[in-house]
Amino acid sequence: MNWDKVKGNWTQAKGTIKSKWGKLTDDELTQIDGERDKFVGKIQEKYGIARDEAEKQVDDWTKDY
C-alpha cells in the first residue's frame, strides 16, 4: 500500500501503529497526522534507532498494512 492511502486512513491506521510501536502516544500520532517524515522521525526518537532503520520499519509495515 502506498503512503497516500495510509495518510488517508490515518485514524484507522493508528490502531495498528500502536500495536507495532507502543511507545508512541495518541497525542504524538495526532500531531504526526499522517506525515510520513514526522512518523519516521518520531519512531527514530522514541526507539533510539538510526533513520534508515526507522525508514525500513515503516516501509515494511506499509507493505503489510
PDB file of N, CA and C in Angstrom:
ATOM      1  N   MET A   1       0.854  -1.179   0.000  1.00  0.00           N
ATOM      2  CA  MET A   1       0.000   0.000   0.000  1.00  0.00           C
ATOM      3  C   MET A   1       0.895   1.236   0.000  1.00  0.00           C
ATOM      4  N   ASN A   2       0.490   2.227  -0.758  1.00  0.00           N
ATOM      5  CA  ASN A   2       1.319   3.418  -0.778  1.00  0.00           C
ATOM      6  C   ASN A   2       0.964   4.346   0.389  1.00  0.00           C
ATOM      7  N   TRP A   3       1.855   5.270   0.652  1.00  0.00           N
ATOM      8  CA  TRP A   3       1.694   6.120   1.833  1.00  0.00           C
ATOM      9  C   TRP A   3       0.464   7.011   1.746  1.00  0.00           C
ATOM     10  N   ASP A   4       0.065   7.409   0.540  1.00  0.00           N
ATOM     11  CA  ASP A   4      -1.124   8.257   0.396  1.00  0.00           C
ATOM     12  C   ASP A   4      -2.354   7.576   0.988  1.00  0.00           C
ATOM     13  N   LYS A   5      -2.441   6.270   0.803  1.00  0.00           N
ATOM     14  CA  LYS A   5      -3.583   5.527   1.366  1.00  0.00           C
ATOM     15  C   LYS A   5      -3.486   5.452   2.890  1.00  0.00           C
ATOM     16  N   VAL A   6      -2.274   5.278   3.402  1.00  0.00           N
ATOM     17  CA  VAL A   6      -2.089   5.269   4.862  1.00  0.00           C
ATOM     18  C   VAL A   6      -2.507   6.621   5.426  1.00  0.00           C
ATOM     19  N   LYS A   7      -2.030   7.684   4.789  1.00  0.00           N
ATOM     20  CA  LYS A   7      -2.361   9.032   5.259  1.00  0.00           C
ATOM     21  C   LYS A   7      -3.864   9.266   5.210  1.00  0.00           C
ATOM     22  N   GLY A   8      -4.511   8.803   4.151  1.00  0.00           N
ATOM     23  CA  GLY A   8      -5.951   8.969   4.025  1.00  0.00           C
ATOM     24  C   GLY A   8      -6.744   8.207   5.072  1.00  0.00           C
ATOM     25  N   ASN A   9      -6.162   7.125   5.566  1.00  0.00           N
ATOM     26  CA  ASN A   9      -6.809   6.298   6.592  1.00  0.00           C
ATOM     27  C   ASN A   9      -6.090   6.418   7.927  1.00  0.00           C
ATOM     28  N   TRP A  10      -5.493   7.564   8.201  1.00  0.00           N
ATOM     29  CA  TRP A  10      -4.640   7.733   9.371  1.00  0.00           C
ATOM     30  C   TRP A  10      -5.356   7.365  10.667  1.00  0.00           C
ATOM     31  N   THR A  11      -6.599   7.790  10.819  1.00  0.00           N
ATOM     32  CA  THR A  11      -7.325   7.499  12.055  1.00  0.00           C
ATOM     33  C   THR A  11      -7.434   5.994  12.271  1.00  0.00           C
ATOM     34  N   GLN A  12      -7.750   5.253  11.224  1.00  0.00           N
ATOM     35  CA  GLN A  12      -7.847   3.801  11.337  1.00  0.00           C
ATOM     36  C   GLN A  12      -6.472   3.159  11.514  1.00  0.00           C
ATOM     37  N   ALA A  13      -5.451   3.742  10.888  1.00  0.00           N
ATOM     38  CA  ALA A  13      -4.101   3.175  10.959  1.00  0.00           C
ATOM     39  C   ALA A  13      -3.508   3.287  12.359  1.00  0.00           C
ATOM     40  N   LYS A  14      -3.957   4.252  13.134  1.00  0.00           N
ATOM     41  CA  LYS A  14      -3.386   4.472  14.473  1.00  0.00           C
ATOM     42  C   LYS A  14      -3.436   3.211  15.326  1.00  0.00           C
ATOM     43  N   GLY A  15      -4.489   2.426  15.195  1.00  0.00           N
ATOM     44  CA  GLY A  15      -4.608   1.202  15.992  1.00  0.00           C
ATOM     45  C   GLY A  15      -3.496   0.219  15.700  1.00  0.00           C
ATOM     46  N   THR A  16      -3.222  -0.018  14.426  1.00  0.00           N
ATOM     47  CA  THR A  16      -2.151  -0.959  14.096  1.00  0.00           C
ATOM     48  C   THR A  16      -0.783  -0.359  14.394  1.00  0.00           C
ATOM     49  N   ILE A  17      -0.680   0.954  14.284  1.00  0.00           N
ATOM     50  CA  ILE A  17       0.581   1.623  14.632  1.00  0.00           C
ATOM     51  C   ILE A  17       0.869   1.440  16.122  1.00  0.00           C
ATOM     52  N   LYS A  18      -0.144   1.628  16.957  1.00  0.00           N
ATOM     53  CA  LYS A  18       0.042   1.470  18.411  1.00  0.00           C
ATOM     54  C   LYS A  18       0.418   0.032  18.761  1.00  0.00           C
ATOM     55  N   SER A  19      -0.068  -0.940  17.985  1.00  0.00           N
ATOM     56  CA  SER A  19       0.296  -2.337  18.234  1.00  0.00           C
ATOM     57  C   SER A  19       1.769  -2.578  17.946  1.00  0.00           C
ATOM     58  N   LYS A  20       2.268  -1.961  16.873  1.00  0.00           N
ATOM     59  CA  LYS A  20       3.664  -2.187  16.480  1.00  0.00           C
ATOM     60  C   LYS A  20       4.631  -1.280  17.226  1.00  0.00           C
ATOM     61  N   TRP A  21       4.266  -0.027  17.404  1.00  0.00           N
ATOM     62  CA  TRP A  21       5.131   0.966  18.050  1.00  0.00           C
ATOM     63  C   TRP A  21       4.405   1.521  19.269  1.00  0.00           C
ATOM     64  N   GLY A  22       4.333   0.728  20.310  1.00  0.00           N
ATOM     65  CA  GLY A  22       3.573   1.070  21.507  1.00  0.00           C
ATOM     66  C   GLY A  22       4.082   2.269  22.289  1.00  0.00           C
ATOM     67  N   LYS A  23       5.311   2.687  22.037  1.00  0.00           N
ATOM     68  CA  LYS A  23       5.845   3.849  22.753  1.00  0.00           C
ATOM     69  C   LYS A  23       5.263   5.165  22.234  1.00  0.00           C
ATOM     70  N   LEU A  24       4.651   5.135  21.061  1.00  0.00           N
ATOM     71  CA  LEU A  24       4.064   6.351  20.501  1.00  0.00           C
ATOM     72  C   LEU A  24       2.728   6.629  21.185  1.00  0.00           C
ATOM     73  N   THR A  25       2.544   7.849  21.622  1.00  0.00           N
ATOM     74  CA  THR A  25       1.309   8.213  22.312  1.00  0.00           C
ATOM     75  C   THR A  25       0.242   8.649  21.317  1.00  0.00           C
ATOM     76  N   ASP A  26      -0.997   8.662  21.788  1.00  0.00           N
ATOM     77  CA  ASP A  26      -2.097   9.140  20.948  1.00  0.00           C
ATOM     78  C   ASP A  26      -1.865  10.585  20.529  1.00  0.00           C
ATOM     79  N   ASP A  27      -1.376  11.400  21.448  1.00  0.00           N
ATOM     80  CA  ASP A  27      -1.100  12.802  21.124  1.00  0.00           C
ATOM     81  C   ASP A  27      -0.049  12.927  20.027  1.00  0.00           C
ATOM     82  N   GLU A  28       1.000  12.108  20.110  1.00  0.00           N
ATOM     83  CA  GLU A  28       2.039  12.147  19.077  1.00  0.00           C
ATOM     84  C   GLU A  28       1.477  11.731  17.726  1.00  0.00           C
ATOM     85  N   LEU A  29       0.658  10.690  17.722  1.00  0.00           N
ATOM     86  CA  LEU A  29       0.065  10.233  16.467  1.00  0.00           C
ATOM     87  C   LEU A  29      -0.868  11.288  15.887  1.00  0.00           C
ATOM     88  N   THR A  30      -1.565  12.008  16.751  1.00  0.00           N
ATOM     89  CA  THR A  30      -2.423  13.092  16.283  1.00  0.00           C
ATOM     90  C   THR A  30      -1.577  14.203  15.667  1.00  0.00           C
ATOM     91  N   GLN A  31      -0.455  14.536  16.305  1.00  0.00           N
ATOM     92  CA  GLN A  31       0.434  15.578  15.785  1.00  0.00           C
ATOM     93  C   GLN A  31       1.067  15.161  14.462  1.00  0.00           C
ATOM     94  N   ILE A  32       1.403  13.887  14.324  1.00  0.00           N
ATOM     95  CA  ILE A  32       2.014  13.381  13.092  1.00  0.00           C
ATOM     96  C   ILE A  32       1.029  13.512  11.928  1.00  0.00           C
ATOM     97  N   ASP A  33      -0.229  13.236  12.186  1.00  0.00           N
ATOM     98  CA  ASP A  33      -1.320  13.431  11.230  1.00  0.00           C
ATOM     99  C   ASP A  33      -1.021  12.855   9.843  1.00  0.00           C
ATOM    100  N   GLY A  34      -0.439  11.682   9.817  1.00  0.00           N
ATOM    101  CA  GLY A  34      -0.210  11.003   8.552  1.00  0.00           C
ATOM    102  C   GLY A  34       1.009  11.451   7.775  1.00  0.00           C
ATOM    103  N   GLU A  35       1.803  12.350   8.334  1.00  0.00           N
ATOM    104  CA  GLU A  35       3.010  12.823   7.648  1.00  0.00           C
ATOM    105  C   GLU A  35       4.126  11.797   7.841  1.00  0.00           C
ATOM    106  N   ARG A  36       4.521  11.145   6.762  1.00  0.00           N
ATOM    107  CA  ARG A  36       5.483  10.054   6.830  1.00  0.00           C
ATOM    108  C   ARG A  36       6.802  10.492   7.461  1.00  0.00           C
ATOM    109  N   ASP A  37       7.311  11.649   7.076  1.00  0.00           N
ATOM    110  CA  ASP A  37       8.593  12.122   7.590  1.00  0.00           C
ATOM    111  C   ASP A  37       8.539  12.319   9.107  1.00  0.00           C
ATOM    112  N   LYS A  38       7.458  12.903   9.595  1.00  0.00           N
ATOM    113  CA  LYS A  38       7.286  13.086  11.044  1.00  0.00           C
ATOM    114  C   LYS A  38       7.174  11.735  11.736  1.00  0.00           C
ATOM    115  N   PHE A  39       6.459  10.812  11.100  1.00  0.00           N
ATOM    116  CA  PHE A  39       6.259   9.477  11.658  1.00  0.00           C
ATOM    117  C   PHE A  39       7.597   8.757  11.816  1.00  0.00           C
ATOM    118  N   VAL A  40       8.399   8.760  10.766  1.00  0.00           N
ATOM    119  CA  VAL A  40       9.716   8.116  10.813  1.00  0.00           C
ATOM    120  C   VAL A  40      10.590   8.775  11.877  1.00  0.00           C
ATOM    121  N   GLY A  41      10.570  10.095  11.926  1.00  0.00           N
ATOM    122  CA  GLY A  41      11.369  10.815  12.920  1.00  0.00           C
ATOM    123  C   GLY A  41      10.969  10.486  14.344  1.00  0.00           C
ATOM    124  N   LYS A  42       9.681  10.358  14.582  1.00  0.00           N
ATOM    125  CA  LYS A  42       9.204  10.047  15.931  1.00  0.00           C
ATOM    126  C   LYS A  42       9.590   8.625  16.330  1.00  0.00           C
ATOM    127  N   ILE A  43       9.529   7.686  15.397  1.00  0.00           N
ATOM    128  CA  ILE A  43       9.969   6.307  15.683  1.00  0.00           C
ATOM    129  C   ILE A  43      11.460   6.314  15.996  1.00  0.00           C
ATOM    130  N   GLN A  44      12.212   7.038  15.209  1.00  0.00           N
ATOM    131  CA  GLN A  44      13.660   7.135  15.432  1.00  0.00           C
ATOM    132  C   GLN A  44      13.944   7.681  16.830  1.00  0.00           C
ATOM    133  N   GLU A  45      13.244   8.732  17.202  1.00  0.00           N
ATOM    134  CA  GLU A  45      13.446   9.377  18.506  1.00  0.00           C
ATOM    135  C   GLU A  45      13.043   8.456  19.656  1.00  0.00           C
ATOM    136  N   LYS A  46      11.873   7.870  19.580  1.00  0.00           N
ATOM    137  CA  LYS A  46      11.338   7.062  20.690  1.00  0.00           C
ATOM    138  C   LYS A  46      12.105   5.764  20.903  1.00  0.00           C
ATOM    139  N   TYR A  47      12.596   5.178  19.802  1.00  0.00           N
ATOM    140  CA  TYR A  47      13.239   3.881  19.907  1.00  0.00           C
ATOM    141  C   TYR A  47      14.762   3.952  19.819  1.00  0.00           C
ATOM    142  N   GLY A  48      15.309   5.155  19.629  1.00  0.00           N
ATOM    143  CA  GLY A  48      16.751   5.327  19.608  1.00  0.00           C
ATOM    144  C   GLY A  48      17.427   4.554  18.495  1.00  0.00           C
ATOM    145  N   ILE A  49      16.818   4.556  17.310  1.00  0.00           N
ATOM    146  CA  ILE A  49      17.380   3.822  16.183  1.00  0.00           C
ATOM    147  C   ILE A  49      17.781   4.805  15.088  1.00  0.00           C
ATOM    148  N   ALA A  50      18.588   4.327  14.158  1.00  0.00           N
ATOM    149  CA  ALA A  50      19.033   5.153  13.038  1.00  0.00           C
ATOM    150  C   ALA A  50      17.861   5.463  12.113  1.00  0.00           C
ATOM    151  N   ARG A  51      17.973   6.558  11.419  1.00  0.00           N
ATOM    152  CA  ARG A  51      16.908   6.983  10.499  1.00  0.00           C
ATOM    153  C   ARG A  51      16.610   5.907   9.456  1.00  0.00           C
ATOM    154  N   ASP A  52      17.666   5.298   8.887  1.00  0.00           N
ATOM    155  CA  ASP A  52      17.425   4.291   7.856  1.00  0.00           C
ATOM    156  C   ASP A  52      16.720   3.061   8.411  1.00  0.00           C
ATOM    157  N   GLU A  53      16.973   2.716   9.665  1.00  0.00           N
ATOM    158  CA  GLU A  53      16.261   1.589  10.288  1.00  0.00           C
ATOM    159  C   GLU A  53      14.788   1.951  10.499  1.00  0.00           C
ATOM    160  N   ALA A  54      14.529   3.168  10.936  1.00  0.00           N
ATOM    161  CA  ALA A  54      13.143   3.611  11.116  1.00  0.00           C
ATOM    162  C   ALA A  54      12.410   3.620   9.778  1.00  0.00           C
ATOM    163  N   GLU A  55      13.088   4.076   8.726  1.00  0.00           N
ATOM    164  CA  GLU A  55      12.502   4.076   7.375  1.00  0.00           C
ATOM    165  C   GLU A  55      12.154   2.653   6.951  1.00  0.00           C
ATOM    166  N   LYS A  56      13.065   1.715   7.215  1.00  0.00           N
ATOM    167  CA  LYS A  56      12.846   0.315   6.846  1.00  0.00           C
ATOM    168  C   LYS A  56      11.640  -0.256   7.590  1.00  0.00           C
ATOM    169  N   GLN A  57      11.537   0.035   8.881  1.00  0.00           N
ATOM    170  CA  GLN A  57      10.401  -0.459   9.652  1.00  0.00           C
ATOM    171  C   GLN A  57       9.079   0.074   9.101  1.00  0.00           C
ATOM    172  N   VAL A  58       9.059   1.362   8.768  1.00  0.00           N
ATOM    173  CA  VAL A  58       7.835   1.962   8.224  1.00  0.00           C
ATOM    174  C   VAL A  58       7.511   1.359   6.862  1.00  0.00           C
ATOM    175  N   ASP A  59       8.533   1.182   6.021  1.00  0.00           N
ATOM    176  CA  ASP A  59       8.308   0.573   4.710  1.00  0.00           C
ATOM    177  C   ASP A  59       7.755  -0.841   4.843  1.00  0.00           C
ATOM    178  N   ASP A  60       8.326  -1.623   5.743  1.00  0.00           N
ATOM    179  CA  ASP A  60       7.860  -2.996   5.961  1.00  0.00           C
ATOM    180  C   ASP A  60       6.416  -2.995   6.477  1.00  0.00           C
ATOM    181  N   TRP A  61       6.125  -2.109   7.406  1.00  0.00           N
ATOM    182  CA  TRP A  61       4.763  -2.017   7.952  1.00  0.00           C
ATOM    183  C   TRP A  61       3.777  -1.599   6.867  1.00  0.00           C
ATOM    184  N   THR A  62       4.185  -0.650   6.032  1.00  0.00           N
ATOM    185  CA  THR A  62       3.306  -0.151   4.978  1.00  0.00           C
ATOM    186  C   THR A  62       2.939  -1.267   4.004  1.00  0.00           C
ATOM    187  N   LYS A  63       3.882  -2.153   3.706  1.00  0.00           N
ATOM    188  CA  LYS A  63       3.612  -3.271   2.812  1.00  0.00           C
ATOM    189  C   LYS A  63       2.537  -4.186   3.378  1.00  0.00           C
ATOM    190  N   ASP A  64       2.549  -4.376   4.693  1.00  0.00           N
ATOM    191  CA  ASP A  64       1.619  -5.296   5.343  1.00  0.00           C
ATOM    192  C   ASP A  64       0.305  -4.630   5.749  1.00  0.00           C
ATOM    193  N   TYR A  65       0.260  -3.297   5.732  1.00  0.00           N
ATOM    194  CA  TYR A  65      -0.921  -2.586   6.228  1.00  0.00           C
ATOM    195  C   TYR A  65      -2.140  -2.843   5.385  1.00  0.00           C
TER     196      TYR A  65
END
